[in-house]
Amino acid sequence: MSPSEGTSFGSGTPKPVRIDGRRLRSERTRQLIIEAYLALIRENPSTPMPTAQEIAARAGYSVRSVFERFPDLHTLRVAAADYGLAHAAALAPARDVDGDRATRIRSQVETRAGTCERGVALWRALTYNFDENDALTVRIKVARERTIDRMRLMYGRELSVLTDLEQRNLLIALEAMTDIESWARMRDTYGLSYAESCAVWIRAIDRMLPSTPPDTNSGTG
């Protein structure tokens, strides 16, 4: 039997996917340039915008390679913001959502603290000398909204006793209190340890949240 007699390839059979090696290499180069930029701003927080020469040298490419992937350094900064947001989301899944009050507060604070500890350098680079109407504003807004969404999830029981307006105002206050600059002030300005800084947030959040209503699903009655 010939291959044509024993095998039927209908018109719906997908063709093998061709891997574009040049495109993969270009994407890899782009990622390494972003990672080089992030490494530089972490190492030199007082210099939120490294030069193209510094970024290229750190990534192991030429300055031309940097500008082939990014038309300017501002575009690189926006790309780094997207990379950082995706990385933060991957490293910070919601935990202990169904735990008791103390467990949920501690879990949310520890998750938030980890994000702040890793992301303070990028945050300062994003908020350094940017126009209120540029693309970075959108990324900053997304980061803040994600924090509010996480707290809405973690503290849903406590928020349920408030009106919509009260919930909104409390979440805004909690987000402001636990922003990255707040974390940086505790760690850098006041010299608190990681654990001490978490404890400050835990106590403050516990005091700001309303009393936890009884669990109607506990089965007691």
C-alpha atoms as a PDB file:
ATOM      1  CA  MET A   1       0.000   0.000   0.000  1.00  0.00           C
ATOM      2  CA  SER A   2       1.376   3.382  -0.937  1.00  0.00           C
ATOM      3  CA  PRO A   3       1.421   6.272   1.533  1.00  0.00           C
ATOM      4  CA  SER A   4      -1.308   7.986  -0.437  1.00  0.00           C
ATOM      5  CA  GLU A   5      -3.551   4.914  -0.107  1.00  0.00           C
ATOM      6  CA  GLY A   6      -3.014   4.444   3.623  1.00  0.00           C
ATOM      7  CA  THR A   7      -3.093   8.029   4.798  1.00  0.00           C
ATOM      8  CA  SER A   8      -5.769  10.619   4.326  1.00  0.00           C
ATOM      9  CA  PHE A   9      -4.952  14.269   4.825  1.00  0.00           C
ATOM     10  CA  GLY A  10      -8.112  16.330   4.801  1.00  0.00           C
ATOM     11  CA  SER A  11      -8.144  20.014   4.106  1.00  0.00           C
ATOM     12  CA  GLY A  12      -8.647  20.672   7.837  1.00  0.00           C
ATOM     13  CA  THR A  13      -5.358  19.087   8.876  1.00  0.00           C
ATOM     14  CA  PRO A  14      -3.145  21.804  10.392  1.00  0.00           C
ATOM     15  CA  LYS A  15       0.171  22.379   8.726  1.00  0.00           C
ATOM     16  CA  PRO A  16       3.348  22.084  10.784  1.00  0.00           C
ATOM     17  CA  VAL A  17       4.190  25.337  12.516  1.00  0.00           C
ATOM     18  CA  ARG A  18       7.335  26.927  11.159  1.00  0.00           C
ATOM     19  CA  ILE A  19       9.581  28.345  13.839  1.00  0.00           C
ATOM     20  CA  ASP A  20      11.098  31.663  12.836  1.00  0.00           C
ATOM     21  CA  GLY A  21      14.531  31.468  14.398  1.00  0.00           C
ATOM     22  CA  ARG A  22      15.373  35.070  13.617  1.00  0.00           C
ATOM     23  CA  ARG A  23      12.221  36.315  15.315  1.00  0.00           C
ATOM     24  CA  LEU A  24      12.889  34.147  18.377  1.00  0.00           C
ATOM     25  CA  ARG A  25      16.399  35.525  18.651  1.00  0.00           C
ATOM     26  CA  SER A  26      15.095  39.059  18.348  1.00  0.00           C
ATOM     27  CA  GLU A  27      12.522  38.473  21.096  1.00  0.00           C
ATOM     28  CA  ARG A  28      15.217  36.960  23.285  1.00  0.00           C
ATOM     29  CA  THR A  29      17.431  39.973  22.697  1.00  0.00           C
ATOM     30  CA  ARG A  30      14.533  42.267  23.572  1.00  0.00           C
ATOM     31  CA  GLN A  31      13.934  40.428  26.842  1.00  0.00           C
ATOM     32  CA  LEU A  32      17.614  40.537  27.783  1.00  0.00           C
ATOM     33  CA  ILE A  33      17.685  44.285  27.172  1.00  0.00           C
ATOM     34  CA  ILE A  34      14.662  44.749  29.453  1.00  0.00           C
ATOM     35  CA  GLU A  35      16.282  42.566  32.119  1.00  0.00           C
ATOM     36  CA  ALA A  36      19.509  44.559  31.824  1.00  0.00           C
ATOM     37  CA  TYR A  37      17.595  47.805  32.351  1.00  0.00           C
ATOM     38  CA  LEU A  38      15.833  46.357  35.406  1.00  0.00           C
ATOM     39  CA  ALA A  39      19.103  45.091  36.854  1.00  0.00           C
ATOM     40  CA  LEU A  40      20.695  48.520  36.464  1.00  0.00           C
ATOM     41  CA  ILE A  41      17.913  50.431  38.182  1.00  0.00           C
ATOM     42  CA  ARG A  42      17.900  47.923  41.041  1.00  0.00           C
ATOM     43  CA  GLU A  43      21.629  48.331  41.527  1.00  0.00           C
ATOM     44  CA  ASN A  44      21.575  52.126  41.155  1.00  0.00           C
ATOM     45  CA  PRO A  45      18.258  53.383  42.566  1.00  0.00           C
ATOM     46  CA  SER A  46      19.514  56.969  42.481  1.00  0.00           C
ATOM     47  CA  THR A  47      19.761  56.727  38.673  1.00  0.00           C
ATOM     48  CA  PRO A  48      16.268  55.758  37.504  1.00  0.00           C
ATOM     49  CA  MET A  49      17.119  56.110  33.810  1.00  0.00           C
ATOM     50  CA  PRO A  50      20.399  54.444  32.778  1.00  0.00           C
ATOM     51  CA  THR A  51      21.980  55.470  29.482  1.00  0.00           C
ATOM     52  CA  ALA A  52      21.623  53.424  26.326  1.00  0.00           C
ATOM     53  CA  GLN A  53      25.341  52.655  26.519  1.00  0.00           C
ATOM     54  CA  GLU A  54      24.988  51.278  30.049  1.00  0.00           C
ATOM     55  CA  ILE A  55      21.984  49.165  29.111  1.00  0.00           C
ATOM     56  CA  ALA A  56      23.664  47.796  25.993  1.00  0.00           C
ATOM     57  CA  ALA A  57      26.849  46.926  27.877  1.00  0.00           C
ATOM     58  CA  ARG A  58      24.915  45.156  30.615  1.00  0.00           C
ATOM     59  CA  ALA A  59      22.841  43.169  28.101  1.00  0.00           C
ATOM     60  CA  GLY A  60      25.900  42.285  26.035  1.00  0.00           C
ATOM     61  CA  TYR A  61      24.679  43.967  22.861  1.00  0.00           C
ATOM     62  CA  SER A  62      25.424  47.111  20.923  1.00  0.00           C
ATOM     63  CA  VAL A  63      23.586  50.394  21.377  1.00  0.00           C
ATOM     64  CA  ARG A  64      22.246  49.852  17.880  1.00  0.00           C
ATOM     65  CA  SER A  65      20.629  46.595  19.031  1.00  0.00           C
ATOM     66  CA  VAL A  66      18.857  48.470  21.820  1.00  0.00           C
ATOM     67  CA  PHE A  67      17.381  51.020  19.443  1.00  0.00           C
ATOM     68  CA  GLU A  68      16.455  48.359  16.897  1.00  0.00           C
ATOM     69  CA  ARG A  69      14.072  46.914  19.515  1.00  0.00           C
ATOM     70  CA  PHE A  70      13.048  50.174  21.192  1.00  0.00           C
ATOM     71  CA  PRO A  71      12.803  53.475  19.287  1.00  0.00           C
ATOM     72  CA  ASP A  72      13.736  55.380  22.456  1.00  0.00           C
ATOM     73  CA  LEU A  73      14.460  54.768  26.125  1.00  0.00           C
ATOM     74  CA  HIS A  74      10.983  55.843  27.149  1.00  0.00           C
ATOM     75  CA  THR A  75       9.552  52.953  25.107  1.00  0.00           C
ATOM     76  CA  LEU A  76      11.988  50.638  26.883  1.00  0.00           C
ATOM     77  CA  ARG A  77      10.762  51.948  30.227  1.00  0.00           C
ATOM     78  CA  VAL A  78       7.143  51.201  29.244  1.00  0.00           C
ATOM     79  CA  ALA A  79       8.124  47.693  28.128  1.00  0.00           C
ATOM     80  CA  ALA A  80       9.919  47.186  31.456  1.00  0.00           C
ATOM     81  CA  ALA A  81       6.729  48.257  33.245  1.00  0.00           C
ATOM     82  CA  ASP A  82       4.718  45.612  31.389  1.00  0.00           C
ATOM     83  CA  TYR A  83       7.372  43.016  32.148  1.00  0.00           C
ATOM     84  CA  GLY A  84       7.408  43.983  35.816  1.00  0.00           C
ATOM     85  CA  LEU A  85       3.626  43.896  36.147  1.00  0.00           C
ATOM     86  CA  ALA A  86       3.444  40.449  34.563  1.00  0.00           C
ATOM     87  CA  HIS A  87       6.278  39.198  36.756  1.00  0.00           C
ATOM     88  CA  ALA A  88       4.650  40.573  39.904  1.00  0.00           C
ATOM     89  CA  ALA A  89       1.326  38.933  39.069  1.00  0.00           C
ATOM     90  CA  ALA A  90       3.021  35.586  38.472  1.00  0.00           C
ATOM     91  CA  LEU A  91       4.850  35.732  41.797  1.00  0.00           C
ATOM     92  CA  ALA A  92       1.901  36.903  43.897  1.00  0.00           C
ATOM     93  CA  PRO A  93      -1.110  34.572  43.621  1.00  0.00           C
ATOM     94  CA  ALA A  94      -3.889  35.118  46.148  1.00  0.00           C
ATOM     95  CA  ARG A  95      -3.450  32.852  49.180  1.00  0.00           C
ATOM     96  CA  ASP A  96      -5.605  32.069  52.242  1.00  0.00           C
ATOM     97  CA  VAL A  97      -8.677  33.784  50.768  1.00  0.00           C
ATOM     98  CA  ASP A  98     -10.938  31.666  52.990  1.00  0.00           C
ATOM     99  CA  GLY A  99      -8.830  32.007  56.132  1.00  0.00           C
ATOM    100  CA  ASP A 100      -9.782  33.791  59.304  1.00  0.00           C
ATOM    101  CA  ARG A 101      -9.244  37.542  59.672  1.00  0.00           C
ATOM    102  CA  ALA A 102      -5.709  37.382  61.051  1.00  0.00           C
ATOM    103  CA  THR A 103      -4.620  34.834  58.459  1.00  0.00           C
ATOM    104  CA  ARG A 104      -6.006  36.850  55.567  1.00  0.00           C
ATOM    105  CA  ILE A 105      -4.442  40.096  56.742  1.00  0.00           C
ATOM    106  CA  ARG A 106      -1.047  38.497  57.247  1.00  0.00           C
ATOM    107  CA  SER A 107      -1.217  36.718  53.888  1.00  0.00           C
ATOM    108  CA  GLN A 108      -2.183  39.873  52.003  1.00  0.00           C
ATOM    109  CA  VAL A 109       0.484  41.954  53.733  1.00  0.00           C
ATOM    110  CA  GLU A 110       3.233  39.405  53.122  1.00  0.00           C
ATOM    111  CA  THR A 111       2.275  39.152  49.458  1.00  0.00           C
ATOM    112  CA  ARG A 112       2.161  42.917  49.095  1.00  0.00           C
ATOM    113  CA  ALA A 113       5.445  43.346  50.957  1.00  0.00           C
ATOM    114  CA  GLY A 114       7.173  40.892  48.627  1.00  0.00           C
ATOM    115  CA  THR A 115       5.896  42.789  45.596  1.00  0.00           C
ATOM    116  CA  CYS A 116       7.090  46.097  47.038  1.00  0.00           C
ATOM    117  CA  GLU A 117      10.489  44.754  48.062  1.00  0.00           C
ATOM    118  CA  ARG A 118      11.109  43.444  44.549  1.00  0.00           C
ATOM    119  CA  GLY A 119       9.535  46.342  42.678  1.00  0.00           C
ATOM    120  CA  VAL A 120      10.564  49.558  44.414  1.00  0.00           C
ATOM    121  CA  ALA A 121      13.360  50.361  41.959  1.00  0.00           C
ATOM    122  CA  LEU A 122      11.107  49.880  38.938  1.00  0.00           C
ATOM    123  CA  TRP A 123       8.332  51.910  40.553  1.00  0.00           C
ATOM    124  CA  ARG A 124      10.647  54.854  41.106  1.00  0.00           C
ATOM    125  CA  ALA A 125      11.872  54.602  37.529  1.00  0.00           C
ATOM    126  CA  LEU A 126       8.282  54.638  36.281  1.00  0.00           C
ATOM    127  CA  THR A 127       7.299  57.662  38.322  1.00  0.00           C
ATOM    128  CA  TYR A 128      10.464  59.603  37.459  1.00  0.00           C
ATOM    129  CA  ASN A 129       9.894  62.528  35.106  1.00  0.00           C
ATOM    130  CA  PHE A 130       6.878  61.216  33.194  1.00  0.00           C
ATOM    131  CA  ASP A 131       4.037  63.058  31.539  1.00  0.00           C
ATOM    132  CA  GLU A 132       0.619  62.512  33.061  1.00  0.00           C
ATOM    133  CA  ASN A 133      -0.795  61.608  29.670  1.00  0.00           C
ATOM    134  CA  ASP A 134       1.807  59.084  28.564  1.00  0.00           C
ATOM    135  CA  ALA A 135       1.684  55.311  28.545  1.00  0.00           C
ATOM    136  CA  LEU A 136       3.309  54.992  31.947  1.00  0.00           C
ATOM    137  CA  THR A 137       0.284  56.588  33.594  1.00  0.00           C
ATOM    138  CA  VAL A 138      -1.812  53.649  32.420  1.00  0.00           C
ATOM    139  CA  ARG A 139       0.665  51.142  33.883  1.00  0.00           C
ATOM    140  CA  ILE A 140       0.768  52.952  37.215  1.00  0.00           C
ATOM    141  CA  LYS A 141      -3.024  52.981  37.328  1.00  0.00           C
ATOM    142  CA  VAL A 142      -3.135  49.258  36.539  1.00  0.00           C
ATOM    143  CA  ALA A 143      -0.705  48.503  39.364  1.00  0.00           C
ATOM    144  CA  ARG A 144      -2.814  50.428  41.857  1.00  0.00           C
ATOM    145  CA  GLU A 145      -6.057  48.879  40.664  1.00  0.00           C
ATOM    146  CA  ARG A 146      -4.565  45.410  41.027  1.00  0.00           C
ATOM    147  CA  THR A 147      -3.701  46.178  44.638  1.00  0.00           C
ATOM    148  CA  ILE A 148      -7.256  47.362  45.308  1.00  0.00           C
ATOM    149  CA  ASP A 149      -8.731  44.298  43.580  1.00  0.00           C
ATOM    150  CA  ARG A 150      -6.565  42.021  45.745  1.00  0.00           C
ATOM    151  CA  MET A 151      -7.676  43.732  48.953  1.00  0.00           C
ATOM    152  CA  ARG A 152     -11.297  43.612  47.832  1.00  0.00           C
ATOM    153  CA  LEU A 153     -10.876  39.851  47.423  1.00  0.00           C
ATOM    154  CA  MET A 154      -8.983  39.287  50.674  1.00  0.00           C
ATOM    155  CA  TYR A 155     -11.197  41.486  52.867  1.00  0.00           C
ATOM    156  CA  GLY A 156     -14.536  40.759  51.251  1.00  0.00           C
ATOM    157  CA  ARG A 157     -16.144  39.674  54.515  1.00  0.00           C
ATOM    158  CA  GLU A 158     -15.256  42.882  56.317  1.00  0.00           C
ATOM    159  CA  LEU A 159     -16.138  45.092  53.356  1.00  0.00           C
ATOM    160  CA  SER A 160     -19.563  43.447  53.058  1.00  0.00           C
ATOM    161  CA  VAL A 161     -20.864  45.391  56.070  1.00  0.00           C
ATOM    162  CA  LEU A 162     -20.069  48.743  54.411  1.00  0.00           C
ATOM    163  CA  THR A 163     -21.929  50.767  51.818  1.00  0.00           C
ATOM    164  CA  ASP A 164     -20.445  50.975  48.319  1.00  0.00           C
ATOM    165  CA  LEU A 165     -19.078  54.442  49.037  1.00  0.00           C
ATOM    166  CA  GLU A 166     -17.576  53.342  52.344  1.00  0.00           C
ATOM    167  CA  GLN A 167     -15.967  50.339  50.650  1.00  0.00           C
ATOM    168  CA  ARG A 168     -14.483  52.548  47.937  1.00  0.00           C
ATOM    169  CA  ASN A 169     -13.054  55.046  50.402  1.00  0.00           C
ATOM    170  CA  LEU A 170     -11.588  52.380  52.649  1.00  0.00           C
ATOM    171  CA  LEU A 171      -9.933  50.569  49.754  1.00  0.00           C
ATOM    172  CA  ILE A 172      -8.422  53.827  48.509  1.00  0.00           C
ATOM    173  CA  ALA A 173      -7.035  54.493  51.990  1.00  0.00           C
ATOM    174  CA  LEU A 174      -5.641  50.956  52.294  1.00  0.00           C
ATOM    175  CA  GLU A 175      -4.007  51.164  48.868  1.00  0.00           C
ATOM    176  CA  ALA A 176      -2.407  54.504  49.716  1.00  0.00           C
ATOM    177  CA  MET A 177      -1.141  53.189  53.034  1.00  0.00           C
ATOM    178  CA  THR A 178       0.397  50.084  51.468  1.00  0.00           C
ATOM    179  CA  ASP A 179       1.894  51.630  48.350  1.00  0.00           C
ATOM    180  CA  ILE A 180       5.499  51.068  47.372  1.00  0.00           C
ATOM    181  CA  GLU A 181       6.691  54.430  48.642  1.00  0.00           C
ATOM    182  CA  SER A 182       5.196  53.643  52.052  1.00  0.00           C
ATOM    183  CA  TRP A 183       7.156  50.401  52.091  1.00  0.00           C
ATOM    184  CA  ALA A 184      10.342  52.147  50.984  1.00  0.00           C
ATOM    185  CA  ARG A 185      10.011  54.766  53.727  1.00  0.00           C
ATOM    186  CA  MET A 186       9.691  52.100  56.403  1.00  0.00           C
ATOM    187  CA  ARG A 187      12.639  50.139  55.049  1.00  0.00           C
ATOM    188  CA  ASP A 188      15.007  52.911  53.950  1.00  0.00           C
ATOM    189  CA  THR A 189      14.077  56.070  55.838  1.00  0.00           C
ATOM    190  CA  TYR A 190      13.183  54.510  59.191  1.00  0.00           C
ATOM    191  CA  GLY A 191      15.389  51.433  58.955  1.00  0.00           C
ATOM    192  CA  LEU A 192      12.693  48.889  59.818  1.00  0.00           C
ATOM    193  CA  SER A 193      13.374  45.258  59.053  1.00  0.00           C
ATOM    194  CA  TYR A 194      11.216  43.329  56.613  1.00  0.00           C
ATOM    195  CA  ALA A 195       9.320  41.674  59.490  1.00  0.00           C
ATOM    196  CA  GLU A 196       8.895  44.959  61.371  1.00  0.00           C
ATOM    197  CA  SER A 197       7.512  46.660  58.269  1.00  0.00           C
ATOM    198  CA  CYS A 198       5.013  43.843  57.743  1.00  0.00           C
ATOM    199  CA  ALA A 199       3.944  44.140  61.373  1.00  0.00           C
ATOM    200  CA  VAL A 200       3.258  47.870  60.958  1.00  0.00           C
ATOM    201  CA  TRP A 201       0.964  47.204  58.006  1.00  0.00           C
ATOM    202  CA  ILE A 202      -0.750  44.272  59.714  1.00  0.00           C
ATOM    203  CA  ARG A 203      -1.636  46.332  62.786  1.00  0.00           C
ATOM    204  CA  ALA A 204      -2.798  49.310  60.729  1.00  0.00           C
ATOM    205  CA  ILE A 205      -5.007  47.242  58.422  1.00  0.00           C
ATOM    206  CA  ASP A 206      -6.525  45.355  61.344  1.00  0.00           C
ATOM    207  CA  ARG A 207      -7.504  48.668  62.952  1.00  0.00           C
ATOM    208  CA  MET A 208      -8.890  50.159  59.745  1.00  0.00           C
ATOM    209  CA  LEU A 209     -11.062  47.209  58.756  1.00  0.00           C
ATOM    210  CA  PRO A 210     -14.540  46.963  60.307  1.00  0.00           C
ATOM    211  CA  SER A 211     -15.340  44.051  62.587  1.00  0.00           C
ATOM    212  CA  THR A 212     -15.581  40.725  60.789  1.00  0.00           C
ATOM    213  CA  PRO A 213     -19.218  39.594  60.575  1.00  0.00           C
ATOM    214  CA  PRO A 214     -20.117  36.080  61.735  1.00  0.00           C
ATOM    215  CA  ASP A 215     -19.524  33.312  59.212  1.00  0.00           C
ATOM    216  CA  THR A 216     -23.025  32.296  58.143  1.00  0.00           C
ATOM    217  CA  ASN A 217     -21.622  29.208  56.434  1.00  0.00           C
ATOM    218  CA  SER A 218     -20.007  27.781  59.548  1.00  0.00           C
ATOM    219  CA  GLY A 219     -22.868  25.356  60.093  1.00  0.00           C
ATOM    220  CA  THR A 220     -23.499  26.447  63.665  1.00  0.00           C
ATOM    221  CA  GLY A 221     -26.941  27.435  64.801  1.00  0.00           C
END
